[in-house]
Amino acid sequence: MSSWLLFSLTSVSSTSATSTASGGLPTGTSTAFLDTVAKAAGKLYFGTATDNPELTDTAYTTILDQVAYFGQITPENSMKWDATEPEQGVFTFTEAQQIVSLAKSNGQIMRGHNCVWYNQLPSWVADGTFTEAELTEIIQTHCSTLVDAWDIINEPFNDDGTWRSDVFFNTLGESFVTIALEAAAAADPNAKLYINDYNIEFEGVKATAMMELVQSLKAAGTPIDGIGFESHFIVGEVPTDIQAIMEAFVSLGVEVAVTELDIRMTLPETDALLAQQKADYQTVISACNAVPGCVGVTIWDFTDEFSWIPGTFAGQGAACPWDDNLVKKPAYDGIIAGFA
């Protein structure tokens, strides 16, 4: 089984939504395709997250299904623990399989998300009282059942560089990381195994903690292939040292990927905010483009219509390269320019 669920690629004709942006705001003008441009720059993919409820929207799927736009997709929720193992030992993959099947039919890379995370756990895990041996077996069973190409460990650190307090760390200490990675590697020796987190895209204690974890895993011979930069940024606040941090991780012997990119703003949108967002997207993409060990970029859904941002950050949004009418924004042009 391929490490990235690589299916044979098929050519897809160029089509896009024809709605106009509201309020006279500027739109994107590039006619280039994101994945095509990323591959021409030497990357493995440009991709997007998606979620099952969105797949009934035909205007949305018309764009999503075009491999020239998106050579890779990530299921936003349907592969998380609460969705796949709601009861111990009872696995359900109906929604996950829908997205796997979509990727296969489109010829897109499928990137799994996620195996071990402190959030979106079923209550039997989150509130369970386990011995070390019991939880070890639970992690091994879960990760070995799901793995193919995965964010195996998701968000293990607090922003101050300490370990998150959750059922995994509180029961097993740091060893839960090794347990999950080794179980995933045993299930599929060809899988790409990632640790994924946010606020590691700039110099600081959290990035340092992640680098130290990579070094310790490498020294112990624990399988670890990559680090995912979530990259949920704010307009005008993209880290200026993101390329240097990517290079620092790559120097440790892992690849990196931008795994959940969006760049939010305080609403309402303005010409100036959209111009800055375009520049910010270009900054992130340019950083990945300049680092051979940065293998690809995934945006956390491509349209504001289905972005998670407004539901989490009150008064903020407009974080994606397409607006909520499926019209390309200037941010789209920033992505294309970043791969130049």
C-alpha atoms as a PDB file:
ATOM      1  CA  MET A   1       0.000   0.000   0.000  1.00  0.00           C
ATOM      2  CA  SER A   2       1.477   3.329  -1.003  1.00  0.00           C
ATOM      3  CA  SER A   3       2.660   5.661   1.723  1.00  0.00           C
ATOM      4  CA  TRP A   4       0.392   8.441   0.488  1.00  0.00           C
ATOM      5  CA  LEU A   5      -2.518   6.428  -0.934  1.00  0.00           C
ATOM      6  CA  LEU A   6      -1.275   7.434  -4.361  1.00  0.00           C
ATOM      7  CA  PHE A   7      -3.870   6.580  -6.973  1.00  0.00           C
ATOM      8  CA  SER A   8      -3.355   6.971 -10.700  1.00  0.00           C
ATOM      9  CA  LEU A   9      -3.952  10.572 -11.664  1.00  0.00           C
ATOM     10  CA  THR A  10      -6.585  11.503 -14.199  1.00  0.00           C
ATOM     11  CA  SER A  11      -6.826  14.705 -16.180  1.00  0.00           C
ATOM     12  CA  VAL A  12      -9.801  16.935 -15.412  1.00  0.00           C
ATOM     13  CA  SER A  13     -11.040  19.822 -17.491  1.00  0.00           C
ATOM     14  CA  SER A  14     -10.800  23.341 -16.114  1.00  0.00           C
ATOM     15  CA  THR A  15     -14.066  24.654 -14.727  1.00  0.00           C
ATOM     16  CA  SER A  16     -14.858  27.079 -11.919  1.00  0.00           C
ATOM     17  CA  ALA A  17     -17.727  28.918 -10.305  1.00  0.00           C
ATOM     18  CA  THR A  18     -18.914  32.040 -12.115  1.00  0.00           C
ATOM     19  CA  SER A  19     -20.512  33.950  -9.215  1.00  0.00           C
ATOM     20  CA  THR A  20     -19.271  37.446  -8.536  1.00  0.00           C
ATOM     21  CA  ALA A  21     -17.853  38.691  -5.264  1.00  0.00           C
ATOM     22  CA  SER A  22     -20.215  40.761  -3.137  1.00  0.00           C
ATOM     23  CA  GLY A  23     -19.658  44.393  -2.209  1.00  0.00           C
ATOM     24  CA  GLY A  24     -17.354  45.133  -5.105  1.00  0.00           C
ATOM     25  CA  LEU A  25     -14.392  43.465  -3.422  1.00  0.00           C
ATOM     26  CA  PRO A  26     -11.414  42.404  -5.540  1.00  0.00           C
ATOM     27  CA  THR A  27     -11.265  38.811  -6.774  1.00  0.00           C
ATOM     28  CA  GLY A  28      -8.514  36.465  -7.845  1.00  0.00           C
ATOM     29  CA  THR A  29      -7.489  36.664 -11.475  1.00  0.00           C
ATOM     30  CA  SER A  30      -5.094  33.758 -11.983  1.00  0.00           C
ATOM     31  CA  THR A  31      -6.213  30.994 -14.330  1.00  0.00           C
ATOM     32  CA  ALA A  32      -3.434  28.640 -13.179  1.00  0.00           C
ATOM     33  CA  PHE A  33      -4.304  25.527 -11.168  1.00  0.00           C
ATOM     34  CA  LEU A  34      -2.971  25.067  -7.634  1.00  0.00           C
ATOM     35  CA  ASP A  35      -1.838  21.440  -7.752  1.00  0.00           C
ATOM     36  CA  THR A  36      -0.450  21.807 -11.253  1.00  0.00           C
ATOM     37  CA  VAL A  37       1.665  24.766 -10.168  1.00  0.00           C
ATOM     38  CA  ALA A  38       2.768  23.057  -6.942  1.00  0.00           C
ATOM     39  CA  LYS A  39       3.921  19.962  -8.807  1.00  0.00           C
ATOM     40  CA  ALA A  40       5.738  22.092 -11.369  1.00  0.00           C
ATOM     41  CA  ALA A  41       7.593  23.614  -8.410  1.00  0.00           C
ATOM     42  CA  GLY A  42       8.661  20.136  -7.284  1.00  0.00           C
ATOM     43  CA  LYS A  43       6.107  19.538  -4.537  1.00  0.00           C
ATOM     44  CA  LEU A  44       4.140  16.321  -4.111  1.00  0.00           C
ATOM     45  CA  TYR A  45       0.764  18.001  -3.867  1.00  0.00           C
ATOM     46  CA  PHE A  46      -1.434  20.973  -3.145  1.00  0.00           C
ATOM     47  CA  GLY A  47      -4.510  19.859  -1.256  1.00  0.00           C
ATOM     48  CA  THR A  48      -7.540  20.778   0.773  1.00  0.00           C
ATOM     49  CA  ALA A  49      -9.495  19.504   3.732  1.00  0.00           C
ATOM     50  CA  THR A  50     -13.097  18.523   3.178  1.00  0.00           C
ATOM     51  CA  ASP A  51     -15.943  17.099   5.236  1.00  0.00           C
ATOM     52  CA  ASN A  52     -18.826  14.753   4.525  1.00  0.00           C
ATOM     53  CA  PRO A  53     -21.753  17.228   4.797  1.00  0.00           C
ATOM     54  CA  GLU A  54     -20.154  19.380   2.102  1.00  0.00           C
ATOM     55  CA  LEU A  55     -20.183  16.592  -0.454  1.00  0.00           C
ATOM     56  CA  THR A  56     -23.874  17.125  -1.220  1.00  0.00           C
ATOM     57  CA  ASP A  57     -23.089  20.622  -2.582  1.00  0.00           C
ATOM     58  CA  THR A  58     -22.518  20.093  -6.303  1.00  0.00           C
ATOM     59  CA  ALA A  59     -21.050  23.548  -6.905  1.00  0.00           C
ATOM     60  CA  TYR A  60     -18.508  22.797  -4.187  1.00  0.00           C
ATOM     61  CA  THR A  61     -17.676  19.299  -5.409  1.00  0.00           C
ATOM     62  CA  THR A  62     -17.248  20.541  -8.973  1.00  0.00           C
ATOM     63  CA  ILE A  63     -14.159  22.364  -7.717  1.00  0.00           C
ATOM     64  CA  LEU A  64     -13.084  19.768  -5.141  1.00  0.00           C
ATOM     65  CA  ASP A  65     -13.102  16.963  -7.710  1.00  0.00           C
ATOM     66  CA  GLN A  66     -10.606  18.660 -10.015  1.00  0.00           C
ATOM     67  CA  VAL A  67      -7.221  17.105  -9.391  1.00  0.00           C
ATOM     68  CA  ALA A  68      -5.585  20.058 -11.146  1.00  0.00           C
ATOM     69  CA  TYR A  69      -6.745  22.188  -8.219  1.00  0.00           C
ATOM     70  CA  PHE A  70      -6.319  19.641  -5.440  1.00  0.00           C
ATOM     71  CA  GLY A  71      -4.013  16.665  -5.792  1.00  0.00           C
ATOM     72  CA  GLN A  72      -4.621  15.694  -2.172  1.00  0.00           C
ATOM     73  CA  ILE A  73      -7.534  15.764   0.274  1.00  0.00           C
ATOM     74  CA  THR A  74      -7.766  15.411   4.053  1.00  0.00           C
ATOM     75  CA  PRO A  75     -10.969  14.426   5.876  1.00  0.00           C
ATOM     76  CA  GLU A  76     -11.568  17.162   8.425  1.00  0.00           C
ATOM     77  CA  ASN A  77     -13.496  15.047  10.945  1.00  0.00           C
ATOM     78  CA  SER A  78     -14.495  11.610   9.712  1.00  0.00           C
ATOM     79  CA  MET A  79     -11.237   9.851  10.637  1.00  0.00           C
ATOM     80  CA  LYS A  80     -10.961  11.218  14.180  1.00  0.00           C
ATOM     81  CA  TRP A  81     -11.315   8.843  17.119  1.00  0.00           C
ATOM     82  CA  ASP A  82     -14.915   9.730  17.995  1.00  0.00           C
ATOM     83  CA  ALA A  83     -15.961   9.068  14.401  1.00  0.00           C
ATOM     84  CA  THR A  84     -14.056   5.827  13.843  1.00  0.00           C
ATOM     85  CA  GLU A  85     -14.129   4.005  17.199  1.00  0.00           C
ATOM     86  CA  PRO A  86     -17.082   5.395  19.185  1.00  0.00           C
ATOM     87  CA  GLU A  87     -17.156   2.239  21.311  1.00  0.00           C
ATOM     88  CA  GLN A  88     -14.092   0.255  22.272  1.00  0.00           C
ATOM     89  CA  GLY A  89     -13.225  -2.190  19.533  1.00  0.00           C
ATOM     90  CA  VAL A  90     -16.223  -1.144  17.429  1.00  0.00           C
ATOM     91  CA  PHE A  91     -14.882   0.562  14.311  1.00  0.00           C
ATOM     92  CA  THR A  92     -17.053   2.411  11.827  1.00  0.00           C
ATOM     93  CA  PHE A  93     -15.646   3.766   8.584  1.00  0.00           C
ATOM     94  CA  THR A  94     -18.733   4.738   6.596  1.00  0.00           C
ATOM     95  CA  GLU A  95     -17.990   8.460   6.438  1.00  0.00           C
ATOM     96  CA  ALA A  96     -14.242   7.981   6.233  1.00  0.00           C
ATOM     97  CA  GLN A  97     -14.695   5.541   3.355  1.00  0.00           C
ATOM     98  CA  GLN A  98     -16.828   8.083   1.493  1.00  0.00           C
ATOM     99  CA  ILE A  99     -13.886  10.472   1.373  1.00  0.00           C
ATOM    100  CA  VAL A 100     -11.374   7.698   0.634  1.00  0.00           C
ATOM    101  CA  SER A 101     -13.551   6.587  -2.267  1.00  0.00           C
ATOM    102  CA  LEU A 102     -13.839  10.165  -3.498  1.00  0.00           C
ATOM    103  CA  ALA A 103     -10.068  10.562  -3.494  1.00  0.00           C
ATOM    104  CA  LYS A 104      -9.611   7.255  -5.290  1.00  0.00           C
ATOM    105  CA  SER A 105     -12.152   8.066  -7.977  1.00  0.00           C
ATOM    106  CA  ASN A 106     -10.611  11.503  -8.538  1.00  0.00           C
ATOM    107  CA  GLY A 107      -7.009  10.279  -8.514  1.00  0.00           C
ATOM    108  CA  GLN A 108      -6.140  12.319  -5.430  1.00  0.00           C
ATOM    109  CA  ILE A 109      -3.730  11.555  -2.607  1.00  0.00           C
ATOM    110  CA  MET A 110      -5.510  10.722   0.649  1.00  0.00           C
ATOM    111  CA  ARG A 111      -3.930  12.085   3.818  1.00  0.00           C
ATOM    112  CA  GLY A 112      -5.317  10.733   7.103  1.00  0.00           C
ATOM    113  CA  HIS A 113      -6.112  12.927  10.102  1.00  0.00           C
ATOM    114  CA  ASN A 114      -5.696  11.920  12.948  1.00  0.00           C
ATOM    115  CA  CYS A 115      -4.830   8.985  15.225  1.00  0.00           C
ATOM    116  CA  VAL A 116      -4.000  10.303  18.729  1.00  0.00           C
ATOM    117  CA  TRP A 117      -5.350  13.716  19.776  1.00  0.00           C
ATOM    118  CA  TYR A 118      -6.582  15.091  23.071  1.00  0.00           C
ATOM    119  CA  ASN A 119      -9.778  16.397  21.427  1.00  0.00           C
ATOM    120  CA  GLN A 120     -12.782  14.711  19.759  1.00  0.00           C
ATOM    121  CA  LEU A 121     -12.298  11.572  21.811  1.00  0.00           C
ATOM    122  CA  PRO A 122     -15.244   9.330  22.647  1.00  0.00           C
ATOM    123  CA  SER A 123     -16.073   9.404  26.339  1.00  0.00           C
ATOM    124  CA  TRP A 124     -14.879   5.842  26.855  1.00  0.00           C
ATOM    125  CA  VAL A 125     -11.356   7.063  26.013  1.00  0.00           C
ATOM    126  CA  ALA A 126     -11.385  10.598  27.413  1.00  0.00           C
ATOM    127  CA  ASP A 127     -12.977   9.632  30.737  1.00  0.00           C
ATOM    128  CA  GLY A 128     -11.527   6.164  31.027  1.00  0.00           C
ATOM    129  CA  THR A 129      -9.327   4.944  33.851  1.00  0.00           C
ATOM    130  CA  PHE A 130      -6.710   2.643  32.372  1.00  0.00           C
ATOM    131  CA  THR A 131      -3.556   0.909  33.417  1.00  0.00           C
ATOM    132  CA  GLU A 132      -0.495   1.586  31.294  1.00  0.00           C
ATOM    133  CA  ALA A 133      -0.862  -1.815  29.665  1.00  0.00           C
ATOM    134  CA  GLU A 134      -4.550  -1.273  28.900  1.00  0.00           C
ATOM    135  CA  LEU A 135      -4.077   2.127  27.287  1.00  0.00           C
ATOM    136  CA  THR A 136      -1.063   0.908  25.369  1.00  0.00           C
ATOM    137  CA  GLU A 137      -3.189  -1.834  23.838  1.00  0.00           C
ATOM    138  CA  ILE A 138      -6.001   0.624  23.073  1.00  0.00           C
ATOM    139  CA  ILE A 139      -3.627   2.972  21.224  1.00  0.00           C
ATOM    140  CA  GLN A 140      -2.010   0.088  19.357  1.00  0.00           C
ATOM    141  CA  THR A 141      -5.368  -1.269  18.228  1.00  0.00           C
ATOM    142  CA  HIS A 142      -6.701   2.103  17.165  1.00  0.00           C
ATOM    143  CA  CYS A 143      -3.628   3.328  15.297  1.00  0.00           C
ATOM    144  CA  SER A 144      -2.891   0.020  13.597  1.00  0.00           C
ATOM    145  CA  THR A 145      -6.471  -0.190  12.326  1.00  0.00           C
ATOM    146  CA  LEU A 146      -6.511   3.307  10.862  1.00  0.00           C
ATOM    147  CA  VAL A 147      -3.024   3.960   9.581  1.00  0.00           C
ATOM    148  CA  ASP A 148      -1.958   4.523   6.016  1.00  0.00           C
ATOM    149  CA  ALA A 149      -0.657   8.084   5.737  1.00  0.00           C
ATOM    150  CA  TRP A 150      -1.418   9.931   8.898  1.00  0.00           C
ATOM    151  CA  ASP A 151      -1.011  12.678  11.418  1.00  0.00           C
ATOM    152  CA  ILE A 152      -0.346   9.989  14.009  1.00  0.00           C
ATOM    153  CA  ILE A 153       0.157  12.416  16.894  1.00  0.00           C
ATOM    154  CA  ASN A 154      -1.858  15.636  16.844  1.00  0.00           C
ATOM    155  CA  GLU A 155      -1.089  18.658  19.035  1.00  0.00           C
ATOM    156  CA  PRO A 156       0.921  16.998  21.830  1.00  0.00           C
ATOM    157  CA  PHE A 157       2.273  20.265  23.313  1.00  0.00           C
ATOM    158  CA  ASN A 158       0.914  23.297  25.109  1.00  0.00           C
ATOM    159  CA  ASP A 159       2.065  26.671  23.803  1.00  0.00           C
ATOM    160  CA  ASP A 160       4.628  26.912  26.616  1.00  0.00           C
ATOM    161  CA  GLY A 161       6.330  23.756  25.342  1.00  0.00           C
ATOM    162  CA  THR A 162       5.014  21.476  28.086  1.00  0.00           C
ATOM    163  CA  TRP A 163       3.112  18.285  27.339  1.00  0.00           C
ATOM    164  CA  ARG A 164      -0.676  18.486  27.215  1.00  0.00           C
ATOM    165  CA  SER A 165      -2.481  16.917  30.139  1.00  0.00           C
ATOM    166  CA  ASP A 166      -4.791  14.259  28.723  1.00  0.00           C
ATOM    167  CA  VAL A 167      -5.580  10.591  29.152  1.00  0.00           C
ATOM    168  CA  PHE A 168      -2.599   9.597  27.015  1.00  0.00           C
ATOM    169  CA  PHE A 169       0.140  11.647  28.697  1.00  0.00           C
ATOM    170  CA  ASN A 170      -1.329  11.307  32.178  1.00  0.00           C
ATOM    171  CA  THR A 171      -1.339   7.516  31.897  1.00  0.00           C
ATOM    172  CA  LEU A 172       1.715   6.787  29.770  1.00  0.00           C
ATOM    173  CA  GLY A 173       3.890   9.886  29.901  1.00  0.00           C
ATOM    174  CA  GLU A 174       5.842  10.695  26.751  1.00  0.00           C
ATOM    175  CA  SER A 175       5.861   7.028  25.757  1.00  0.00           C
ATOM    176  CA  PHE A 176       2.386   7.325  24.195  1.00  0.00           C
ATOM    177  CA  VAL A 177       4.049   8.966  21.203  1.00  0.00           C
ATOM    178  CA  THR A 178       6.380   6.025  20.632  1.00  0.00           C
ATOM    179  CA  ILE A 179       3.559   3.514  21.203  1.00  0.00           C
ATOM    180  CA  ALA A 180       1.369   5.160  18.551  1.00  0.00           C
ATOM    181  CA  LEU A 181       4.154   5.623  16.014  1.00  0.00           C
ATOM    182  CA  GLU A 182       5.402   2.064  16.367  1.00  0.00           C
ATOM    183  CA  ALA A 183       1.880   0.650  16.067  1.00  0.00           C
ATOM    184  CA  ALA A 184       1.293   2.667  12.913  1.00  0.00           C
ATOM    185  CA  ALA A 185       4.606   1.603  11.406  1.00  0.00           C
ATOM    186  CA  ALA A 186       3.889  -2.042  12.180  1.00  0.00           C
ATOM    187  CA  ALA A 187       0.495  -1.778  10.485  1.00  0.00           C
ATOM    188  CA  ASP A 188       1.995  -0.266   7.340  1.00  0.00           C
ATOM    189  CA  PRO A 189       5.791  -0.009   7.088  1.00  0.00           C
ATOM    190  CA  ASN A 190       5.397   2.265   4.041  1.00  0.00           C
ATOM    191  CA  ALA A 191       3.151   4.823   5.726  1.00  0.00           C
ATOM    192  CA  LYS A 192       4.354   8.381   6.239  1.00  0.00           C
ATOM    193  CA  LEU A 193       4.081   9.080   9.967  1.00  0.00           C
ATOM    194  CA  TYR A 194       3.639  12.692  11.063  1.00  0.00           C
ATOM    195  CA  ILE A 195       3.356  14.694  14.240  1.00  0.00           C
ATOM    196  CA  ASN A 196       1.106  17.710  13.645  1.00  0.00           C
ATOM    197  CA  ASP A 197       0.829  20.929  15.678  1.00  0.00           C
ATOM    198  CA  TYR A 198       0.257  24.681  15.576  1.00  0.00           C
ATOM    199  CA  ASN A 199       2.460  27.552  16.793  1.00  0.00           C
ATOM    200  CA  ILE A 200       5.588  25.642  15.831  1.00  0.00           C
ATOM    201  CA  GLU A 201       6.015  27.736  12.670  1.00  0.00           C
ATOM    202  CA  PHE A 202       8.214  30.295  14.421  1.00  0.00           C
ATOM    203  CA  GLU A 203      11.086  30.292  16.892  1.00  0.00           C
ATOM    204  CA  GLY A 204       9.927  29.686  20.442  1.00  0.00           C
ATOM    205  CA  VAL A 205       9.562  27.167  23.220  1.00  0.00           C
ATOM    206  CA  LYS A 206       6.916  25.113  21.449  1.00  0.00           C
ATOM    207  CA  ALA A 207       8.989  24.701  18.290  1.00  0.00           C
ATOM    208  CA  THR A 208      11.986  23.843  20.464  1.00  0.00           C
ATOM    209  CA  ALA A 209       9.973  21.188  22.311  1.00  0.00           C
ATOM    210  CA  MET A 210       8.918  19.649  19.007  1.00  0.00           C
ATOM    211  CA  MET A 211      12.489  19.647  17.705  1.00  0.00           C
ATOM    212  CA  GLU A 212      13.687  17.973  20.891  1.00  0.00           C
ATOM    213  CA  LEU A 213      10.961  15.349  20.522  1.00  0.00           C
ATOM    214  CA  VAL A 214      12.036  14.645  16.936  1.00  0.00           C
ATOM    215  CA  GLN A 215      15.650  14.307  18.032  1.00  0.00           C
ATOM    216  CA  SER A 216      14.767  11.916  20.855  1.00  0.00           C
ATOM    217  CA  LEU A 217      12.576   9.789  18.577  1.00  0.00           C
ATOM    218  CA  LYS A 218      15.299   9.652  15.941  1.00  0.00           C
ATOM    219  CA  ALA A 219      17.929   8.742  18.555  1.00  0.00           C
ATOM    220  CA  ALA A 220      15.738   5.912  19.827  1.00  0.00           C
ATOM    221  CA  GLY A 221      15.061   4.579  16.342  1.00  0.00           C
ATOM    222  CA  THR A 222      11.349   5.343  16.586  1.00  0.00           C
ATOM    223  CA  PRO A 223       9.738   5.792  13.167  1.00  0.00           C
ATOM    224  CA  ILE A 224       8.933   9.437  12.423  1.00  0.00           C
ATOM    225  CA  ASP A 225       8.800  10.814   8.893  1.00  0.00           C
ATOM    226  CA  GLY A 226       7.425  14.308   9.076  1.00  0.00           C
ATOM    227  CA  ILE A 227       6.220  17.328  11.001  1.00  0.00           C
ATOM    228  CA  GLY A 228       2.992  19.049  10.051  1.00  0.00           C
ATOM    229  CA  PHE A 229       2.701  22.821  10.404  1.00  0.00           C
ATOM    230  CA  GLU A 230      -0.988  23.517  10.967  1.00  0.00           C
ATOM    231  CA  SER A 231      -0.560  27.202  10.073  1.00  0.00           C
ATOM    232  CA  HIS A 232      -3.856  28.679  11.234  1.00  0.00           C
ATOM    233  CA  PHE A 233      -2.668  32.266  10.854  1.00  0.00           C
ATOM    234  CA  ILE A 234      -4.073  35.781  11.229  1.00  0.00           C
ATOM    235  CA  VAL A 235      -3.843  38.371   8.458  1.00  0.00           C
ATOM    236  CA  GLY A 236      -0.751  40.498   8.969  1.00  0.00           C
ATOM    237  CA  GLU A 237       0.713  38.129  11.554  1.00  0.00           C
ATOM    238  CA  VAL A 238       2.339  35.362   9.498  1.00  0.00           C
ATOM    239  CA  PRO A 239       5.688  34.392  11.085  1.00  0.00           C
ATOM    240  CA  THR A 240       8.615  35.943   9.271  1.00  0.00           C
ATOM    241  CA  ASP A 241      10.909  33.045  10.186  1.00  0.00           C
ATOM    242  CA  ILE A 242       8.701  30.227   8.915  1.00  0.00           C
ATOM    243  CA  GLN A 243      11.198  29.221   6.204  1.00  0.00           C
ATOM    244  CA  ALA A 244      14.045  29.064   8.714  1.00  0.00           C
ATOM    245  CA  ILE A 245      11.960  26.881  11.039  1.00  0.00           C
ATOM    246  CA  MET A 246      11.081  24.548   8.170  1.00  0.00           C
ATOM    247  CA  GLU A 247      14.766  24.248   7.353  1.00  0.00           C
ATOM    248  CA  ALA A 248      15.596  23.552  11.004  1.00  0.00           C
ATOM    249  CA  PHE A 249      13.141  20.664  11.162  1.00  0.00           C
ATOM    250  CA  VAL A 250      14.309  19.239   7.841  1.00  0.00           C
ATOM    251  CA  SER A 251      17.889  19.312   9.134  1.00  0.00           C
ATOM    252  CA  LEU A 252      16.791  16.851  11.822  1.00  0.00           C
ATOM    253  CA  GLY A 253      15.998  14.259   9.162  1.00  0.00           C
ATOM    254  CA  VAL A 254      12.241  14.692   8.721  1.00  0.00           C
ATOM    255  CA  GLU A 255      10.146  16.224   5.979  1.00  0.00           C
ATOM    256  CA  VAL A 256       7.645  18.972   6.674  1.00  0.00           C
ATOM    257  CA  ALA A 257       4.274  19.914   5.239  1.00  0.00           C
ATOM    258  CA  VAL A 258       1.853  22.763   5.711  1.00  0.00           C
ATOM    259  CA  THR A 259      -1.148  20.718   6.773  1.00  0.00           C
ATOM    260  CA  GLU A 260      -4.046  23.024   7.756  1.00  0.00           C
ATOM    261  CA  LEU A 261      -3.415  26.433   6.223  1.00  0.00           C
ATOM    262  CA  ASP A 262      -5.889  29.276   6.549  1.00  0.00           C
ATOM    263  CA  ILE A 263      -5.371  32.986   7.248  1.00  0.00           C
ATOM    264  CA  ARG A 264      -8.272  34.664   9.025  1.00  0.00           C
ATOM    265  CA  MET A 265      -9.189  38.310   9.395  1.00  0.00           C
ATOM    266  CA  THR A 266     -11.453  40.440  11.556  1.00  0.00           C
ATOM    267  CA  LEU A 267     -14.627  40.995   9.557  1.00  0.00           C
ATOM    268  CA  PRO A 268     -15.819  42.707   7.483  1.00  0.00           C
ATOM    269  CA  GLU A 269     -13.483  42.110   4.555  1.00  0.00           C
ATOM    270  CA  THR A 270     -11.882  45.166   3.003  1.00  0.00           C
ATOM    271  CA  ASP A 271      -9.664  45.731  -0.018  1.00  0.00           C
ATOM    272  CA  ALA A 272      -6.713  46.320   2.304  1.00  0.00           C
ATOM    273  CA  LEU A 273      -7.297  43.151   4.316  1.00  0.00           C
ATOM    274  CA  LEU A 274      -7.661  41.061   1.184  1.00  0.00           C
ATOM    275  CA  ALA A 275      -4.440  42.546  -0.209  1.00  0.00           C
ATOM    276  CA  GLN A 276      -2.589  41.684   3.000  1.00  0.00           C
ATOM    277  CA  GLN A 277      -4.102  38.182   2.993  1.00  0.00           C
ATOM    278  CA  LYS A 278      -2.832  37.695  -0.555  1.00  0.00           C
ATOM    279  CA  ALA A 279       0.672  38.710   0.570  1.00  0.00           C
ATOM    280  CA  ASP A 280       0.454  36.433   3.608  1.00  0.00           C
ATOM    281  CA  TYR A 281      -0.543  33.392   1.573  1.00  0.00           C
ATOM    282  CA  GLN A 282       2.340  34.136  -0.779  1.00  0.00           C
ATOM    283  CA  THR A 283       4.734  34.313   2.189  1.00  0.00           C
ATOM    284  CA  VAL A 284       3.724  30.870   3.464  1.00  0.00           C
ATOM    285  CA  ILE A 285       3.794  29.227   0.047  1.00  0.00           C
ATOM    286  CA  SER A 286       7.115  30.863  -0.838  1.00  0.00           C
ATOM    287  CA  ALA A 287       8.640  29.467   2.351  1.00  0.00           C
ATOM    288  CA  CYS A 288       7.558  25.923   1.500  1.00  0.00           C
ATOM    289  CA  ASN A 289       8.613  26.419  -2.107  1.00  0.00           C
ATOM    290  CA  ALA A 290      12.115  27.414  -0.986  1.00  0.00           C
ATOM    291  CA  VAL A 291      12.602  24.328   1.195  1.00  0.00           C
ATOM    292  CA  PRO A 292      13.029  21.067  -0.734  1.00  0.00           C
ATOM    293  CA  GLY A 293      12.009  19.112   2.350  1.00  0.00           C
ATOM    294  CA  CYS A 294       8.619  20.833   2.464  1.00  0.00           C
ATOM    295  CA  VAL A 295       6.626  18.327   0.447  1.00  0.00           C
ATOM    296  CA  GLY A 296       3.217  19.969   0.103  1.00  0.00           C
ATOM    297  CA  VAL A 297       0.520  22.320   1.305  1.00  0.00           C
ATOM    298  CA  THR A 298      -3.047  21.615   2.429  1.00  0.00           C
ATOM    299  CA  ILE A 299      -5.563  24.398   3.014  1.00  0.00           C
ATOM    300  CA  TRP A 300      -8.181  23.817   5.713  1.00  0.00           C
ATOM    301  CA  ASP A 301     -11.027  23.766   3.225  1.00  0.00           C
ATOM    302  CA  PHE A 302     -10.873  25.986   0.194  1.00  0.00           C
ATOM    303  CA  THR A 303     -14.018  28.093   0.643  1.00  0.00           C
ATOM    304  CA  ASP A 304     -15.198  30.460   3.357  1.00  0.00           C
ATOM    305  CA  GLU A 305     -18.602  28.800   3.055  1.00  0.00           C
ATOM    306  CA  PHE A 306     -17.341  25.774   4.985  1.00  0.00           C
ATOM    307  CA  SER A 307     -14.515  27.265   7.042  1.00  0.00           C
ATOM    308  CA  TRP A 308     -14.325  26.367  10.730  1.00  0.00           C
ATOM    309  CA  ILE A 309     -13.099  29.847  11.654  1.00  0.00           C
ATOM    310  CA  PRO A 310     -16.358  31.805  12.206  1.00  0.00           C
ATOM    311  CA  GLY A 311     -17.702  29.122  14.511  1.00  0.00           C
ATOM    312  CA  THR A 312     -14.569  29.221  16.656  1.00  0.00           C
ATOM    313  CA  PHE A 313     -13.365  32.832  16.523  1.00  0.00           C
ATOM    314  CA  ALA A 314     -16.228  35.297  16.945  1.00  0.00           C
ATOM    315  CA  GLY A 315     -16.130  38.173  14.463  1.00  0.00           C
ATOM    316  CA  GLN A 316     -13.397  36.564  12.348  1.00  0.00           C
ATOM    317  CA  GLY A 317     -13.455  34.641   9.102  1.00  0.00           C
ATOM    318  CA  ALA A 318     -12.810  35.002   5.355  1.00  0.00           C
ATOM    319  CA  ALA A 319      -9.779  32.765   5.860  1.00  0.00           C
ATOM    320  CA  CYS A 320      -9.832  30.723   2.634  1.00  0.00           C
ATOM    321  CA  PRO A 321      -8.769  31.320  -0.989  1.00  0.00           C
ATOM    322  CA  TRP A 322     -12.359  31.078  -2.292  1.00  0.00           C
ATOM    323  CA  ASP A 323     -15.157  33.194  -0.804  1.00  0.00           C
ATOM    324  CA  ASP A 324     -18.498  31.830   0.361  1.00  0.00           C
ATOM    325  CA  ASN A 325     -19.869  32.173  -3.182  1.00  0.00           C
ATOM    326  CA  LEU A 326     -17.030  29.968  -4.486  1.00  0.00           C
ATOM    327  CA  VAL A 327     -15.320  32.919  -6.147  1.00  0.00           C
ATOM    328  CA  LYS A 328     -11.523  33.046  -6.062  1.00  0.00           C
ATOM    329  CA  LYS A 329     -10.115  35.776  -3.835  1.00  0.00           C
ATOM    330  CA  PRO A 330      -6.796  37.635  -4.200  1.00  0.00           C
ATOM    331  CA  ALA A 331      -5.395  35.022  -1.800  1.00  0.00           C
ATOM    332  CA  TYR A 332      -5.603  32.526  -4.655  1.00  0.00           C
ATOM    333  CA  ASP A 333      -3.237  34.682  -6.694  1.00  0.00           C
ATOM    334  CA  GLY A 334      -0.920  34.852  -3.687  1.00  0.00           C
ATOM    335  CA  ILE A 335      -0.680  31.066  -3.607  1.00  0.00           C
ATOM    336  CA  ILE A 336       0.117  30.888  -7.319  1.00  0.00           C
ATOM    337  CA  ALA A 337       2.766  33.603  -6.929  1.00  0.00           C
ATOM    338  CA  GLY A 338       4.329  31.747  -4.005  1.00  0.00           C
ATOM    339  CA  PHE A 339       5.115  28.765  -6.204  1.00  0.00           C
ATOM    340  CA  ALA A 340       6.730  30.903  -8.904  1.00  0.00           C
END
